[in-house]
Amino acid sequence: MLECVINISEGRRTDRLEVVVRAAGRELLDLHTDPDHNRSVLTVVEVPAARAVVLAATLALDVGEHEGAHPRLGVADVVPFVPLGSSTMADAVAARDGLAQWVGDELGVPCFVYGPERSLPEIRRRAFVDLAPDTGPERPHPSAGACCVGARPPLVAYNLWLAEPDLAAARSIAADLRSPAVRALGLAVGADVQVSMNLVDPLSVGPADVYDAVAARTGIARAELVGLIPGAVLERIDPARWSVLDVSEDRTIEHRLTAHGFSTEGAG
C-alpha cells in the first residue's frame, strides 16, 4: 500500500477546493486546509487517487492567482509517495516516476522528482535556475506551474505558532532546529508567526522534542499537526501531552486506514 500526501496551492476558495477533494473519493484519509498559507494537504491511498487529485487541481486552479505564506512551484505543488505495510521504497519510487511521466506527458506540467537522489528543499532552491524538470516542458505551465513528485518514508508535518509575532526569532529558532531529522522555516502567517517543520525522522525527533526545544526559547501559542501521524510516533509521546501537542489516536495513519476500510497490517 502507498500513501500519497498531496500539497495543493489552495486553501481559501471552498468551491475550487471541493472540486479537488471530490476527485479523491473514498481513498481520501485526511484533509488539512490552511487559509493563511492558502494551502491544503490531502492524504490519499494508492496511485489512481493521486492521479485524480493532481488532474483536478491542474484543471481547477491557477498558480498565478495564488497568494500565501508557504513556498510553492505549482498548483499540485508536492506529491510524495510513502510506502506502508509490505510496500517498499522501490515501490514508492516506481509510483513517483510513473506519476511524474504521466503529469509531464499528459498534462504538460513539468515535474521535478525527489527522494533518494535529492531532497525537496534542493528542488525549491534550484528549479528552473540550474535544474531542469525531469519530465514535461522545460518551462512552467501557464496556470499549473510545476509539480514536485517524491518518494519518502513517513514524516510528520508540524507547526508551532509563537505567542509573540517575532519573525526574526522564528527564523532564528528554525535555523537552530534544522538537522538531518528536522527541516524548519520561520514564516509570517497573517498577523502571526510560526515555525513550520517537517520532522523527517520522527522516531528520533518527534513533536514533543521540537515543542520543548522551541518552548525553551519563547512562548508557544499553539501546536498544529498537519495531516496524519504514524502510530509508532504517537506511542512515544506521553498521552497527557497529546492535547497540547495537537496529536491524537484518531489522527494516526492506522486509525484512518481502518476507518476507511483498508488493512492496517504493518502500516506504521
Protein backbone atom coordinates (compact mmCIF):
# COMPACT_ATOMS: atom_id res chain seq x y z
CA MET A 1 0.00 0.00 0.00
CA LEU A 2 1.18 3.50 -0.83
CA GLU A 3 0.12 6.68 0.93
CA CYS A 4 0.28 9.93 -1.04
CA VAL A 5 0.32 13.27 0.77
CA ILE A 6 -0.61 15.87 -1.84
CA ASN A 7 0.01 19.56 -1.11
CA ILE A 8 -2.12 21.83 -3.30
CA SER A 9 -1.91 25.60 -3.57
CA GLU A 10 -5.47 26.40 -2.49
CA GLY A 11 -6.87 26.89 0.98
CA ARG A 12 -9.39 29.72 0.68
CA ARG A 13 -11.82 29.23 -2.18
CA THR A 14 -14.06 26.42 -0.98
CA ASP A 15 -15.70 25.88 -4.35
CA ARG A 16 -12.36 25.19 -6.05
CA LEU A 17 -11.16 23.08 -3.13
CA GLU A 18 -14.31 20.95 -3.17
CA VAL A 19 -13.67 20.02 -6.81
CA VAL A 20 -10.23 18.70 -5.90
CA VAL A 21 -11.40 16.92 -2.76
CA ARG A 22 -14.23 15.13 -4.59
CA ALA A 23 -11.70 13.71 -7.03
CA ALA A 24 -10.04 11.74 -4.22
CA GLY A 25 -13.19 9.69 -3.49
CA ARG A 26 -13.16 7.14 -0.67
CA GLU A 27 -9.35 7.00 -0.83
CA LEU A 28 -9.17 10.36 0.97
CA LEU A 29 -7.91 9.69 4.50
CA ASP A 30 -7.45 13.28 5.65
CA LEU A 31 -7.82 16.90 4.55
CA HIS A 32 -5.98 19.76 6.22
CA THR A 33 -6.72 23.29 4.99
CA ASP A 34 -4.83 26.45 5.92
CA PRO A 35 -6.28 29.73 4.55
CA ASP A 36 -3.27 31.80 5.67
CA HIS A 37 -0.82 29.58 3.79
CA ASN A 38 -3.55 29.24 1.14
CA ARG A 39 -2.62 25.58 1.03
CA SER A 40 -4.34 22.24 1.58
CA VAL A 41 -2.92 18.79 2.26
CA LEU A 42 -4.85 15.76 1.04
CA THR A 43 -3.75 12.35 2.31
CA VAL A 44 -4.87 9.59 -0.05
CA VAL A 45 -4.00 5.96 -0.72
CA GLU A 46 -2.77 4.45 -3.98
CA VAL A 47 -1.82 5.87 -7.36
CA PRO A 48 -5.27 6.26 -9.02
CA ALA A 49 -6.45 8.64 -6.28
CA ALA A 50 -3.23 10.62 -6.54
CA ARG A 51 -3.67 10.97 -10.30
CA ALA A 52 -7.27 12.07 -9.89
CA VAL A 53 -6.34 14.76 -7.36
CA VAL A 54 -3.45 16.10 -9.45
CA LEU A 55 -5.68 16.22 -12.55
CA ALA A 56 -8.46 18.03 -10.69
CA ALA A 57 -6.03 20.57 -9.22
CA THR A 58 -4.46 21.18 -12.62
CA LEU A 59 -7.84 21.88 -14.19
CA ALA A 60 -9.39 23.88 -11.34
CA LEU A 61 -6.54 26.04 -10.03
CA ASP A 62 -4.21 28.75 -11.30
CA VAL A 63 -0.90 29.33 -9.51
CA GLY A 64 -0.80 32.84 -10.97
CA GLU A 65 -3.77 33.72 -8.75
CA HIS A 66 -2.15 32.29 -5.64
CA GLU A 67 -1.06 34.32 -2.63
CA GLY A 68 0.17 32.69 0.56
CA ALA A 69 3.00 32.37 3.04
CA HIS A 70 4.26 28.93 2.00
CA PRO A 71 6.81 28.43 -0.81
CA ARG A 72 5.27 26.78 -3.90
CA LEU A 73 6.08 25.93 -7.51
CA GLY A 74 2.63 24.92 -8.74
CA VAL A 75 -0.98 24.07 -8.01
CA ALA A 76 -0.25 20.39 -7.33
CA ASP A 77 2.87 21.55 -5.58
CA VAL A 78 4.20 18.49 -3.73
CA VAL A 79 3.14 14.89 -4.38
CA PRO A 80 5.14 12.39 -2.29
CA PHE A 81 4.50 8.64 -2.22
CA VAL A 82 5.09 6.87 1.11
CA PRO A 83 5.38 3.07 1.43
CA LEU A 84 3.11 1.46 4.04
CA GLY A 85 2.85 -2.14 5.15
CA SER A 86 4.71 -4.55 2.88
CA SER A 87 5.37 -1.85 0.25
CA THR A 88 8.97 -0.75 -0.19
CA MET A 89 10.76 2.45 -1.07
CA ALA A 90 11.34 0.91 -4.51
CA ASP A 91 7.54 0.71 -4.91
CA ALA A 92 7.23 4.38 -3.94
CA VAL A 93 9.96 5.39 -6.40
CA ALA A 94 8.23 3.44 -9.19
CA ALA A 95 4.91 5.18 -8.40
CA ARG A 96 6.69 8.54 -8.28
CA ASP A 97 8.36 8.03 -11.64
CA GLY A 98 5.14 6.81 -13.24
CA LEU A 99 3.11 9.76 -11.99
CA ALA A 100 5.79 12.26 -12.99
CA GLN A 101 5.88 10.83 -16.50
CA TRP A 102 2.09 10.94 -16.77
CA VAL A 103 1.85 14.52 -15.48
CA GLY A 104 4.60 15.66 -17.84
CA ASP A 105 3.30 13.83 -20.92
CA GLU A 106 -0.48 14.02 -20.49
CA LEU A 107 -0.96 17.26 -18.58
CA GLY A 108 2.00 19.19 -19.97
CA VAL A 109 3.16 20.15 -16.48
CA PRO A 110 6.90 19.98 -15.74
CA CYS A 111 7.83 17.67 -12.87
CA PHE A 112 10.86 17.52 -10.62
CA VAL A 113 11.40 14.26 -8.76
CA TYR A 114 12.86 13.94 -5.27
CA GLY A 115 13.66 11.13 -2.87
CA PRO A 116 16.81 9.06 -2.60
CA GLU A 117 18.54 11.16 -5.27
CA ARG A 118 17.88 14.66 -3.89
CA SER A 119 15.71 16.49 -1.40
CA LEU A 120 12.64 18.68 -1.84
CA PRO A 121 14.47 21.75 -0.42
CA GLU A 122 17.12 21.28 -3.12
CA ILE A 123 14.42 21.37 -5.81
CA ARG A 124 12.91 24.53 -4.31
CA ARG A 125 16.33 26.21 -4.46
CA ARG A 126 17.34 25.07 -7.94
CA ALA A 127 14.17 24.54 -10.02
CA PHE A 128 14.31 26.46 -13.33
CA VAL A 129 17.60 28.05 -12.21
CA ASP A 130 20.22 25.36 -12.75
CA LEU A 131 17.94 22.32 -12.52
CA ALA A 132 15.75 21.29 -15.45
CA PRO A 133 12.50 19.32 -14.98
CA ASP A 134 12.77 15.53 -15.06
CA THR A 135 9.61 15.25 -17.19
CA GLY A 136 7.40 17.60 -19.15
CA PRO A 137 8.18 21.01 -20.66
CA GLU A 138 11.28 22.99 -19.75
CA ARG A 139 9.21 25.95 -18.57
CA PRO A 140 6.38 26.22 -16.01
CA HIS A 141 2.83 25.51 -17.19
CA PRO A 142 0.94 28.83 -17.61
CA SER A 143 -1.59 28.06 -14.88
CA ALA A 144 -0.41 24.84 -13.18
CA GLY A 145 3.23 25.85 -12.70
CA ALA A 146 5.35 22.82 -11.85
CA CYS A 147 4.99 19.72 -9.70
CA CYS A 148 7.42 18.14 -7.23
CA VAL A 149 6.81 14.37 -7.14
CA GLY A 150 8.60 12.40 -4.46
CA ALA A 151 9.21 9.13 -2.69
CA ARG A 152 9.95 9.25 1.03
CA PRO A 153 9.43 7.49 4.36
CA PRO A 154 6.65 8.69 6.69
CA LEU A 155 7.26 12.11 8.21
CA VAL A 156 5.32 14.47 10.48
CA ALA A 157 4.39 17.94 9.24
CA TYR A 158 4.19 20.14 12.30
CA ASN A 159 3.74 23.86 13.00
CA LEU A 160 4.33 25.78 16.21
CA TRP A 161 2.67 29.19 16.44
CA LEU A 162 4.62 31.61 18.59
CA ALA A 163 2.98 33.66 21.34
CA GLU A 164 4.84 36.78 20.18
CA PRO A 165 4.77 37.53 16.42
CA ASP A 166 8.55 37.96 16.15
CA LEU A 167 9.58 36.80 12.67
CA ALA A 168 13.29 37.24 13.34
CA ALA A 169 13.01 34.99 16.40
CA ALA A 170 11.04 32.39 14.44
CA ARG A 171 13.70 32.32 11.72
CA SER A 172 16.49 32.05 14.27
CA ILE A 173 14.73 29.19 16.06
CA ALA A 174 14.08 27.43 12.75
CA ALA A 175 17.75 27.70 11.82
CA ASP A 176 18.78 26.21 15.16
CA LEU A 177 16.29 23.34 14.81
CA ARG A 178 17.47 22.26 11.36
CA SER A 179 19.22 18.92 11.28
CA PRO A 180 19.12 15.68 9.30
CA ALA A 181 15.92 14.89 11.24
CA VAL A 182 14.20 18.31 11.06
CA ARG A 183 13.50 20.76 8.26
CA ALA A 184 12.26 24.11 9.54
CA LEU A 185 11.24 27.56 8.35
CA GLY A 186 10.20 30.68 10.23
CA LEU A 187 7.16 32.14 8.48
CA ALA A 188 4.89 35.15 8.88
CA VAL A 189 1.32 33.90 8.57
CA GLY A 190 -1.12 36.79 8.54
CA ALA A 191 -0.53 38.75 11.73
CA ASP A 192 1.06 35.72 13.41
CA VAL A 193 4.37 33.88 13.18
CA GLN A 194 5.10 30.17 13.13
CA VAL A 195 7.95 27.73 12.99
CA SER A 196 6.88 25.35 10.22
CA MET A 197 8.57 21.94 10.27
CA ASN A 198 8.86 18.60 8.57
CA LEU A 199 10.04 16.01 11.07
CA VAL A 200 11.70 13.68 8.59
CA ASP A 201 12.88 11.17 11.21
CA PRO A 202 10.02 11.45 13.71
CA LEU A 203 11.03 8.35 15.66
CA SER A 204 14.24 10.12 16.69
CA VAL A 205 12.93 13.71 16.81
CA GLY A 206 9.17 13.91 17.30
CA PRO A 207 6.58 16.58 18.08
CA ALA A 208 7.32 16.64 21.81
CA ASP A 209 11.04 17.14 21.17
CA VAL A 210 10.65 20.16 18.89
CA TYR A 211 7.88 21.62 21.07
CA ASP A 212 10.20 21.54 24.09
CA ALA A 213 13.11 22.96 22.10
CA VAL A 214 11.03 25.93 20.92
CA ALA A 215 9.38 26.42 24.33
CA ALA A 216 12.85 26.76 25.86
CA ARG A 217 13.40 29.81 23.63
CA THR A 218 10.00 31.52 23.52
CA GLY A 219 6.31 31.19 24.33
CA ILE A 220 4.13 28.96 22.14
CA ALA A 221 0.55 29.95 21.38
CA ARG A 222 -0.44 26.57 19.94
CA ALA A 223 0.78 23.50 18.11
CA GLU A 224 -0.63 22.21 14.83
CA LEU A 225 -0.32 18.75 13.31
CA VAL A 226 -0.69 18.91 9.53
CA GLY A 227 -2.13 15.68 8.16
CA LEU A 228 -1.61 12.37 9.92
CA ILE A 229 0.97 10.90 12.29
CA PRO A 230 2.34 7.32 12.31
CA GLY A 231 1.06 5.31 15.24
CA ALA A 232 4.60 4.40 16.28
CA VAL A 233 5.42 8.09 16.69
CA LEU A 234 2.30 8.75 18.77
CA GLU A 235 3.15 5.81 21.06
CA ARG A 236 6.38 7.56 22.05
CA ILE A 237 4.50 10.61 23.37
CA ASP A 238 3.04 10.78 26.89
CA PRO A 239 -0.77 10.72 26.41
CA ALA A 240 -1.04 13.52 28.98
CA ARG A 241 0.64 15.80 26.40
CA TRP A 242 -1.40 14.81 23.36
CA SER A 243 -3.88 17.68 23.60
CA VAL A 244 -1.22 20.41 23.94
CA LEU A 245 0.82 18.87 21.13
CA ASP A 246 -2.29 18.58 18.88
CA VAL A 247 -1.97 14.82 18.36
CA SER A 248 -4.42 12.01 18.99
CA GLU A 249 -5.07 8.37 18.20
CA ASP A 250 -7.80 9.18 15.67
CA ARG A 251 -5.28 11.20 13.64
CA THR A 252 -2.89 8.30 13.13
CA ILE A 253 -2.43 6.75 9.71
CA GLU A 254 -3.53 3.40 11.11
CA HIS A 255 -6.79 4.74 12.55
CA ARG A 256 -7.77 6.43 9.29
CA LEU A 257 -6.96 3.34 7.23
CA THR A 258 -9.22 1.25 9.46
CA ALA A 259 -11.98 3.87 9.37
CA HIS A 260 -11.91 3.80 5.56
CA GLY A 261 -11.90 0.01 5.32
CA PHE A 262 -8.24 -0.52 4.42
CA SER A 263 -5.91 -3.06 6.02
CA THR A 264 -3.50 -1.70 8.62
CA GLU A 265 -1.18 -4.70 8.74
CA GLY A 266 2.31 -3.28 9.12
CA ALA A 267 1.10 0.18 8.14
CA GLY A 268 3.31 2.02 10.61
